[in-house]
Amino acid sequence: MTQDIQPIDAADTSIDTTHHAGRRQALKTLGMAATAAAAGIHAPWVHAATTFKIGYVAPQTGPLAVFAEPDPFTLAEMKKLVGAGIKSGGKSYAVEVIYKDSQSNAARAAEVTSELILKNKVDIVISGCTPETSNPVADQCELNAMPCVTNDTPWQPHFFGRNGDPKKGFEWTNHFFWGLEDIIGVFAGIWDKAPTNRVVGALWPNDPDGNAWGDGKIGFPSVAQAKKLQFIDKGRYQSPSDNFTNYITEFKKAGVEIVTGVMPPPDFGNFWAQAAQQGFKPRICTVGKATEFPAAIAAFGPRSEGLSVEVWWSPAHPFKSSLTGQSSAELAAAYTKASGKPWSMPVGFKHSLFEVALAALKASEGKGAKAIRDALRNTDLDTIVGHVNFKKGPVPSVSKTPLVGGQWQKKGNALELVIVENGQASNVPLGGQLKLMA
């Protein structure tokens, strides 16, 4: 039985283990062909009697595309792992992955998720890549009684951003990642590593992440007094933005020595370039989202050195894959060997989505959506990013993963993300000490 690559549209690439003659069509663009080739989607998979369909939504294009960079590698690895099918309830099932592009747009994420459910008839949906993707995907799944698992969004913007009830959780959707309490602890831990005046300039956009991080009750301002921090917050900026002069002027006036925020890479690139032009040189700069990825860091040029950020996964994390037995270091090395690129944090979390989804499909015994939902609810699994258990909280249907802090430091001719803060996850070893930028 041959494998078909079946794009439903320009945002859809299907990894198929069965024939669907009526749906076959050629790849529509060279870009899609390149994506498929990079993913290794070209060899036949072994046919099984029945098929489990996994719908996968990610920002292949747009400002959040850096979060989806590992997808071709992950899809190729999953093809190798489940090409012979999986066992569920004593029967063999093929696995088909239908991959859709959210285009870094929440409305588009909701639209393609609806297509996966209503048109492609998937059995489970997986997603991540910030609230702009995970939230609309999960909302569509909850609305349509579709089992769903997501990650790569702090749990508060995901859970409360969807009006979740802490007493009930959600029926069909499950999420695993760290929370605002963890990011606050990690950032504050980084800032405690060196002497500064504790004046922090805040760059929080008007989006689910920015509004949560800047919230007076659950965000960074809530710990200002206890941590002896003074936040200079001019209010939410509209993203995308190419002009941060007003923020820089205010930061200089207030004597800001620490800069923080949660920004898409293009926004931070504009801010960082303008800060240099206007002579603003903070001693510590710890900005989430924008400075997490080697590709983004390379684009910022020489001033990338010394930037600090939270680290959700790295080769140093002491976890193994439930699918392959690979350690974090081995998975990172495999990614670099296959792609020619440095490891990045999403590599582990992309892999873990499939760990959890495939475990639920296997445990469902092929009995349908409710059985898959119940299997997800009962997840109790050691993964490449840590232990996942949706019953232990902090709220129902959410599981937390560990978080540490890192800094981009020069190692030879290259920049490496070195773990410099592990106060909340001491099982992740330190790799060096924080160095002030100015």
Protein backbone atom coordinates (compact mmCIF):
# COMPACT_ATOMS: atom_id res chain seq x y z
CA MET A 1 0.00 0.00 0.00
CA THR A 2 1.55 3.31 -1.02
CA GLN A 3 1.63 6.54 0.92
CA ASP A 4 -0.17 9.62 -0.35
CA ILE A 5 0.70 13.22 0.40
CA GLN A 6 -2.69 14.85 0.28
CA PRO A 7 -2.84 18.60 0.74
CA ILE A 8 -6.46 19.62 1.17
CA ASP A 9 -5.34 23.16 0.47
CA ALA A 10 -2.13 25.17 0.69
CA ALA A 11 -2.26 24.88 4.46
CA ASP A 12 -2.65 21.12 4.61
CA THR A 13 -0.15 18.32 4.19
CA SER A 14 -1.30 14.79 4.99
CA ILE A 15 0.92 11.92 5.97
CA ASP A 16 -1.22 8.97 4.95
CA THR A 17 -0.81 5.23 5.40
CA THR A 18 -3.85 4.24 3.31
CA HIS A 19 -5.26 4.88 -0.15
CA HIS A 20 -7.92 7.56 -0.52
CA ALA A 21 -8.11 7.73 -4.29
CA GLY A 22 -10.79 10.37 -4.42
CA ARG A 23 -8.69 12.80 -2.39
CA ARG A 24 -5.31 12.39 -4.14
CA GLN A 25 -3.89 15.46 -5.76
CA ALA A 26 -0.52 16.90 -6.62
CA LEU A 27 1.36 19.23 -4.32
CA LYS A 28 0.21 22.72 -5.22
CA THR A 29 3.35 24.72 -4.61
CA LEU A 30 7.09 24.21 -4.64
CA GLY A 31 7.11 25.38 -1.03
CA MET A 32 4.85 22.53 -0.03
CA ALA A 33 7.00 20.10 -1.95
CA ALA A 34 10.06 21.38 -0.12
CA THR A 35 8.30 20.99 3.22
CA ALA A 36 7.27 17.45 2.38
CA ALA A 37 10.77 16.54 1.23
CA ALA A 38 12.30 18.04 4.36
CA ALA A 39 9.94 15.94 6.45
CA GLY A 40 10.95 12.80 4.62
CA ILE A 41 7.36 12.23 3.49
CA HIS A 42 8.05 10.09 0.47
CA ALA A 43 8.34 6.41 1.38
CA PRO A 44 5.36 4.06 1.76
CA TRP A 45 4.11 3.23 5.22
CA VAL A 46 2.87 -0.25 6.10
CA HIS A 47 -0.88 -0.55 5.74
CA ALA A 48 -3.02 -1.60 8.67
CA ALA A 49 -6.70 -2.57 8.64
CA THR A 50 -7.97 0.66 10.19
CA THR A 51 -6.57 4.16 10.52
CA PHE A 52 -6.21 6.62 13.37
CA LYS A 53 -6.16 10.19 12.04
CA ILE A 54 -4.23 12.86 13.94
CA GLY A 55 -4.96 16.49 13.04
CA TYR A 56 -1.99 18.79 13.63
CA VAL A 57 -2.25 22.60 13.55
CA ALA A 58 0.88 24.78 13.61
CA PRO A 59 2.04 28.16 12.27
CA GLN A 60 4.05 27.03 9.26
CA THR A 61 4.04 30.63 8.01
CA GLY A 62 3.83 34.11 9.56
CA PRO A 63 5.59 35.68 12.57
CA LEU A 64 5.18 32.56 14.75
CA ALA A 65 6.64 30.19 12.16
CA VAL A 66 9.85 29.83 14.19
CA PHE A 67 7.82 27.77 16.69
CA ALA A 68 7.03 25.25 13.93
CA GLU A 69 10.58 24.97 12.58
CA PRO A 70 11.10 21.42 13.97
CA ASP A 71 7.89 20.06 12.40
CA PRO A 72 9.43 18.47 9.28
CA PHE A 73 11.89 16.61 11.49
CA THR A 74 9.21 15.54 13.98
CA LEU A 75 6.87 14.32 11.25
CA ALA A 76 9.65 12.33 9.62
CA GLU A 77 10.55 10.74 12.95
CA MET A 78 6.92 9.86 13.67
CA LYS A 79 6.65 8.28 10.23
CA LYS A 80 9.53 5.98 11.09
CA LEU A 81 8.05 5.12 14.48
CA VAL A 82 4.49 4.32 13.45
CA GLY A 83 4.98 3.38 9.81
CA ALA A 84 4.11 -0.21 10.67
CA GLY A 85 1.01 0.92 12.57
CA ILE A 86 0.20 0.83 16.26
CA LYS A 87 -1.71 -1.63 18.42
CA SER A 88 -4.92 -0.63 20.18
CA GLY A 89 -7.32 -3.11 21.74
CA GLY A 90 -5.47 -5.99 20.15
CA LYS A 91 -5.86 -4.63 16.62
CA SER A 92 -3.45 -2.89 14.25
CA TYR A 93 -4.12 0.70 13.18
CA ALA A 94 -2.35 2.80 10.61
CA VAL A 95 -1.61 6.40 11.60
CA GLU A 96 -2.35 9.36 9.34
CA VAL A 97 -1.22 12.88 10.26
CA ILE A 98 -3.02 15.76 8.57
CA TYR A 99 -0.92 18.92 8.99
CA LYS A 100 -2.55 22.35 8.68
CA ASP A 101 -1.04 25.85 8.67
CA SER A 102 -2.56 28.39 11.07
CA GLN A 103 -0.62 31.13 9.25
CA SER A 104 0.13 32.61 12.73
CA ASN A 105 -3.49 33.78 12.81
CA ALA A 106 -6.04 32.80 15.48
CA ALA A 107 -9.02 32.94 13.11
CA ARG A 108 -7.21 30.74 10.61
CA ALA A 109 -6.26 28.30 13.39
CA ALA A 110 -9.94 27.94 14.29
CA GLU A 111 -10.91 27.54 10.64
CA VAL A 112 -8.45 24.75 9.83
CA THR A 113 -9.28 22.96 13.09
CA SER A 114 -12.93 22.95 12.07
CA GLU A 115 -11.88 21.48 8.71
CA LEU A 116 -9.91 18.75 10.45
CA ILE A 117 -12.92 17.81 12.58
CA LEU A 118 -15.77 18.17 10.10
CA LYS A 119 -14.09 17.47 6.76
CA ASN A 120 -11.10 15.26 7.50
CA LYS A 121 -12.84 13.37 10.32
CA VAL A 122 -9.77 13.15 12.53
CA ASP A 123 -9.73 11.16 15.77
CA ILE A 124 -7.61 13.61 17.79
CA VAL A 125 -6.14 17.10 17.33
CA ILE A 126 -2.74 18.28 18.57
CA SER A 127 -1.33 21.81 18.56
CA GLY A 128 0.75 24.42 20.39
CA CYS A 129 2.84 27.45 19.47
CA THR A 130 1.48 30.22 21.77
CA PRO A 131 -2.13 31.14 22.66
CA GLU A 132 -2.76 32.48 19.15
CA THR A 133 -2.70 28.85 18.02
CA SER A 134 -3.47 26.61 20.98
CA ASN A 135 -6.50 28.54 22.23
CA PRO A 136 -8.62 28.68 19.06
CA VAL A 137 -7.67 25.08 18.25
CA ALA A 138 -8.75 23.87 21.68
CA ASP A 139 -11.94 25.94 21.58
CA GLN A 140 -13.00 24.32 18.31
CA CYS A 141 -12.27 20.89 19.73
CA GLU A 142 -14.24 21.55 22.90
CA LEU A 143 -17.16 22.83 20.83
CA ASN A 144 -17.15 19.78 18.57
CA ALA A 145 -16.47 17.07 21.18
CA MET A 146 -13.04 16.30 19.71
CA PRO A 147 -10.20 14.93 21.88
CA CYS A 148 -7.35 17.42 21.88
CA VAL A 149 -3.96 17.90 23.49
CA THR A 150 -1.86 21.08 23.29
CA ASN A 151 1.31 22.56 24.76
CA ASP A 152 3.73 25.46 24.24
CA THR A 153 1.44 28.07 25.86
CA PRO A 154 1.69 29.09 29.54
CA TRP A 155 -1.21 27.37 31.21
CA GLN A 156 -2.97 30.50 32.52
CA PRO A 157 -3.32 32.24 29.11
CA HIS A 158 -4.50 28.90 27.72
CA PHE A 159 -6.89 27.95 30.52
CA PHE A 160 -8.26 31.27 31.72
CA GLY A 161 -7.98 32.77 28.24
CA ARG A 162 -10.60 30.20 27.27
CA ASN A 163 -12.77 30.94 30.33
CA GLY A 164 -11.82 27.71 32.02
CA ASP A 165 -13.44 26.81 35.35
CA PRO A 166 -10.77 25.75 37.91
CA LYS A 167 -13.30 23.41 39.51
CA LYS A 168 -14.12 21.55 36.30
CA GLY A 169 -11.43 22.03 33.70
CA PHE A 170 -12.41 21.12 30.15
CA GLU A 171 -14.10 17.96 28.93
CA TRP A 172 -12.34 17.36 25.62
CA THR A 173 -9.15 19.42 25.73
CA ASN A 174 -5.94 18.88 27.71
CA HIS A 175 -2.82 21.00 27.99
CA PHE A 176 0.71 20.63 29.36
CA PHE A 177 3.27 23.41 29.84
CA TRP A 178 4.61 25.69 32.56
CA GLY A 179 2.72 28.62 34.09
CA LEU A 180 3.13 32.30 34.89
CA GLU A 181 4.20 31.44 38.43
CA ASP A 182 7.10 29.51 36.91
CA ILE A 183 8.17 32.19 34.43
CA ILE A 184 8.01 34.84 37.14
CA GLY A 185 10.15 32.67 39.41
CA VAL A 186 12.67 31.94 36.67
CA PHE A 187 12.98 35.55 35.48
CA ALA A 188 13.27 36.85 39.04
CA GLY A 189 15.84 34.15 39.72
CA ILE A 190 17.89 35.34 36.74
CA TRP A 191 17.65 38.96 37.92
CA ASP A 192 18.81 37.93 41.41
CA LYS A 193 22.08 36.62 39.95
CA ALA A 194 23.66 40.05 39.54
CA PRO A 195 23.38 43.48 41.19
CA THR A 196 21.05 45.99 39.52
CA ASN A 197 18.74 48.78 40.66
CA ARG A 198 15.73 46.37 40.21
CA VAL A 199 13.99 48.81 37.82
CA VAL A 200 12.36 46.74 35.07
CA GLY A 201 11.09 48.06 31.74
CA ALA A 202 8.09 46.03 30.54
CA LEU A 203 7.24 45.25 26.92
CA TRP A 204 3.90 43.45 26.96
CA PRO A 205 1.82 43.34 23.76
CA ASN A 206 -1.95 43.50 23.60
CA ASP A 207 -2.40 39.77 23.03
CA PRO A 208 -3.24 36.79 25.27
CA ASP A 209 0.37 36.34 26.42
CA GLY A 210 1.06 40.03 26.99
CA ASN A 211 -2.19 40.64 28.84
CA ALA A 212 -1.60 37.66 31.12
CA TRP A 213 2.07 38.45 31.82
CA GLY A 214 1.21 42.06 32.64
CA ASP A 215 -1.89 41.26 34.70
CA GLY A 216 -1.84 42.79 38.19
CA LYS A 217 -3.21 39.65 39.85
CA ILE A 218 -1.55 36.74 38.06
CA GLY A 219 1.29 38.39 36.13
CA PHE A 220 4.63 39.98 36.94
CA PRO A 221 3.24 43.09 38.72
CA SER A 222 1.70 40.81 41.36
CA VAL A 223 5.15 40.00 42.78
CA ALA A 224 6.75 43.42 42.39
CA GLN A 225 6.66 44.32 46.06
CA ALA A 226 7.78 40.93 47.34
CA LYS A 227 10.65 40.78 44.86
CA LYS A 228 11.56 44.47 45.39
CA LEU A 229 11.06 45.21 41.70
CA GLN A 230 9.78 48.43 40.13
CA PHE A 231 8.06 47.88 36.79
CA ILE A 232 7.98 50.69 34.25
CA ASP A 233 4.89 49.78 32.25
CA LYS A 234 3.62 52.16 29.58
CA GLY A 235 0.73 49.86 28.78
CA ARG A 236 0.18 47.25 26.11
CA TYR A 237 1.61 47.91 22.69
CA GLN A 238 -0.11 46.81 19.50
CA SER A 239 1.72 44.01 17.71
CA PRO A 240 3.20 44.07 15.14
CA SER A 241 5.05 47.29 15.92
CA ASP A 242 8.05 48.95 14.30
CA ASN A 243 8.40 51.95 16.63
CA PHE A 244 9.40 51.63 20.30
CA THR A 245 10.85 55.12 20.74
CA ASN A 246 8.32 56.12 23.41
CA TYR A 247 9.12 53.02 25.46
CA ILE A 248 12.87 53.51 25.13
CA THR A 249 12.60 57.17 26.11
CA GLU A 250 10.58 56.26 29.20
CA PHE A 251 12.97 53.45 30.14
CA LYS A 252 15.98 55.75 29.92
CA LYS A 253 14.20 58.42 31.96
CA ALA A 254 13.33 55.90 34.71
CA GLY A 255 16.84 54.42 34.83
CA VAL A 256 15.72 50.96 33.69
CA GLU A 257 18.50 48.36 34.06
CA ILE A 258 16.38 45.27 33.31
CA VAL A 259 14.11 44.78 30.30
CA THR A 260 11.46 42.08 30.15
CA GLY A 261 8.46 41.15 28.06
CA VAL A 262 6.94 38.51 25.83
CA MET A 263 7.33 39.56 22.19
CA PRO A 264 7.22 38.02 18.73
CA PRO A 265 10.75 37.99 17.25
CA PRO A 266 10.05 40.75 14.67
CA ASP A 267 8.84 43.14 17.39
CA PHE A 268 11.83 42.49 19.61
CA GLY A 269 14.17 42.88 16.66
CA ASN A 270 12.75 46.35 16.05
CA PHE A 271 12.97 47.30 19.73
CA TRP A 272 16.53 45.98 20.14
CA ALA A 273 17.82 47.77 17.06
CA GLN A 274 16.20 51.05 18.14
CA ALA A 275 17.56 50.65 21.68
CA ALA A 276 21.07 50.48 20.24
CA GLN A 277 20.45 53.47 17.98
CA GLN A 278 19.18 55.53 20.92
CA GLY A 279 21.95 54.54 23.33
CA PHE A 280 19.81 52.45 25.67
CA LYS A 281 21.88 49.62 27.18
CA PRO A 282 20.15 47.55 29.88
CA ARG A 283 22.32 45.37 32.11
CA ILE A 284 19.93 42.42 31.78
CA CYS A 285 17.42 41.72 29.00
CA THR A 286 15.08 38.77 29.60
CA VAL A 287 12.33 38.61 26.99
CA GLY A 288 10.16 35.56 26.38
CA LYS A 289 9.13 34.25 22.97
CA ALA A 290 11.49 36.50 20.94
CA THR A 291 14.83 35.21 22.23
CA GLU A 292 14.12 31.50 22.56
CA PHE A 293 15.27 30.39 19.12
CA PRO A 294 18.69 30.17 17.43
CA ALA A 295 17.26 31.48 14.14
CA ALA A 296 15.84 34.57 15.81
CA ILE A 297 18.98 35.17 17.84
CA ALA A 298 21.12 35.03 14.69
CA ALA A 299 18.96 37.73 13.13
CA PHE A 300 19.63 40.13 16.02
CA GLY A 301 23.35 40.24 15.26
CA PRO A 302 26.21 40.82 17.73
CA ARG A 303 23.87 42.28 20.37
CA SER A 304 22.34 38.83 20.84
CA GLU A 305 25.14 37.91 23.23
CA GLY A 306 23.96 38.12 26.83
CA LEU A 307 20.21 37.99 26.15
CA SER A 308 18.47 35.77 28.71
CA VAL A 309 15.26 33.79 28.48
CA GLU A 310 13.24 30.96 30.00
CA VAL A 311 14.21 27.45 28.87
CA TRP A 312 11.43 24.89 28.62
CA TRP A 313 13.54 22.10 27.14
CA SER A 314 17.21 21.54 26.32
CA PRO A 315 19.75 18.74 25.81
CA ALA A 316 20.51 19.08 29.54
CA HIS A 317 16.98 18.13 30.63
CA PRO A 318 17.10 14.71 32.34
CA PHE A 319 14.15 13.11 30.51
CA LYS A 320 13.64 10.33 27.96
CA SER A 321 11.10 9.72 25.22
CA SER A 322 8.39 7.17 25.96
CA LEU A 323 8.38 6.36 22.23
CA THR A 324 12.05 5.94 21.40
CA GLY A 325 13.92 5.82 24.70
CA GLN A 326 16.08 8.73 23.48
CA SER A 327 17.43 11.12 26.08
CA SER A 328 16.93 14.85 25.60
CA ALA A 329 20.55 15.12 24.48
CA GLU A 330 20.09 12.32 21.95
CA LEU A 331 16.91 13.85 20.50
CA ALA A 332 18.61 17.25 20.20
CA ALA A 333 21.59 15.66 18.45
CA ALA A 334 19.31 13.75 16.08
CA TYR A 335 17.55 16.98 15.15
CA THR A 336 20.82 18.75 14.41
CA LYS A 337 22.10 15.82 12.36
CA ALA A 338 18.90 15.63 10.29
CA SER A 339 18.30 19.35 9.83
CA GLY A 340 21.76 20.88 10.03
CA LYS A 341 20.34 23.38 12.55
CA PRO A 342 21.01 23.93 16.26
CA TRP A 343 18.54 22.38 18.68
CA SER A 344 15.63 24.57 19.77
CA MET A 345 13.15 24.29 22.62
CA PRO A 346 10.13 23.26 20.50
CA VAL A 347 11.93 20.10 19.35
CA GLY A 348 11.16 18.34 22.63
CA PHE A 349 7.63 19.66 22.89
CA LYS A 350 6.71 18.69 19.34
CA HIS A 351 7.91 15.16 20.09
CA SER A 352 5.97 15.10 23.36
CA LEU A 353 2.68 15.99 21.64
CA PHE A 354 2.93 12.74 19.72
CA GLU A 355 3.98 10.85 22.84
CA VAL A 356 0.78 11.84 24.62
CA ALA A 357 -1.51 11.53 21.58
CA LEU A 358 -0.23 8.10 20.56
CA ALA A 359 -0.43 6.83 24.14
CA ALA A 360 -4.09 7.89 24.27
CA LEU A 361 -4.87 6.27 20.91
CA LYS A 362 -3.27 3.02 22.04
CA ALA A 363 -5.16 3.07 25.35
CA SER A 364 -8.52 3.85 23.70
CA GLU A 365 -8.79 0.29 22.31
CA GLY A 366 -10.24 1.75 19.12
CA LYS A 367 -13.54 2.55 20.82
CA GLY A 368 -13.98 6.09 19.51
CA ALA A 369 -13.88 9.70 20.64
CA LYS A 370 -15.06 9.22 24.22
CA ALA A 371 -12.55 6.45 24.82
CA ILE A 372 -9.75 8.64 23.44
CA ARG A 373 -10.96 11.52 25.62
CA ASP A 374 -10.96 9.32 28.70
CA ALA A 375 -7.51 7.98 27.85
CA LEU A 376 -6.19 11.53 27.59
CA ARG A 377 -7.75 12.42 30.93
CA ASN A 378 -6.00 9.44 32.50
CA THR A 379 -2.59 10.23 31.02
CA ASP A 380 0.21 9.35 33.45
CA LEU A 381 3.29 9.39 31.27
CA ASP A 382 7.01 10.14 31.48
CA THR A 383 7.89 12.08 28.33
CA ILE A 384 10.88 13.82 26.78
CA VAL A 385 9.73 17.07 28.50
CA GLY A 386 8.89 15.57 31.89
CA HIS A 387 5.94 13.81 33.56
CA VAL A 388 2.46 14.49 32.17
CA ASN A 389 -0.60 13.88 34.36
CA PHE A 390 -3.74 15.91 33.71
CA LYS A 391 -5.40 14.95 37.00
CA LYS A 392 -2.78 16.52 39.27
CA GLY A 393 -3.39 20.08 38.22
CA PRO A 394 -2.77 22.92 38.98
CA VAL A 395 -6.30 22.83 37.49
CA PRO A 396 -8.19 19.93 35.90
CA SER A 397 -7.06 19.04 32.35
CA VAL A 398 -3.71 20.83 32.80
CA SER A 399 -0.29 19.37 33.63
CA LYS A 400 2.82 21.41 34.40
CA THR A 401 6.30 20.86 33.00
CA PRO A 402 9.54 22.20 34.55
CA LEU A 403 11.16 25.53 33.67
CA VAL A 404 14.67 26.93 34.03
CA GLY A 405 16.47 30.03 32.78
CA GLY A 406 19.25 30.45 30.24
CA GLN A 407 21.54 33.05 28.69
CA TRP A 408 23.01 33.24 25.20
CA GLN A 409 26.76 33.12 25.77
CA LYS A 410 29.69 32.97 23.38
CA LYS A 411 31.25 29.53 23.06
CA GLY A 412 34.04 29.72 20.52
CA ASN A 413 32.60 31.45 17.47
CA ALA A 414 29.00 30.54 18.23
CA LEU A 415 26.34 31.54 20.73
CA GLU A 416 24.94 28.81 22.94
CA LEU A 417 21.98 28.89 25.31
CA VAL A 418 23.53 28.11 28.70
CA ILE A 419 21.39 27.17 31.73
CA VAL A 420 22.10 29.80 34.41
CA GLU A 421 19.05 29.51 36.69
CA ASN A 422 17.45 26.29 37.98
CA GLY A 423 15.88 27.33 41.27
CA GLN A 424 12.55 25.77 40.32
CA ALA A 425 13.92 22.64 38.65
CA SER A 426 17.17 21.62 40.32
CA ASN A 427 17.22 18.33 38.41
CA VAL A 428 18.21 20.33 35.31
CA PRO A 429 21.94 21.04 35.80
CA LEU A 430 23.44 24.52 35.51
CA GLY A 431 25.81 25.13 32.62
CA GLY A 432 27.28 28.47 33.66
CA GLN A 433 26.72 31.79 35.44
CA LEU A 434 24.81 34.90 34.35
CA LYS A 435 26.92 37.63 32.77
CA LEU A 436 25.81 41.27 32.81
CA MET A 437 25.37 42.88 29.40
CA ALA A 438 26.53 46.38 30.32
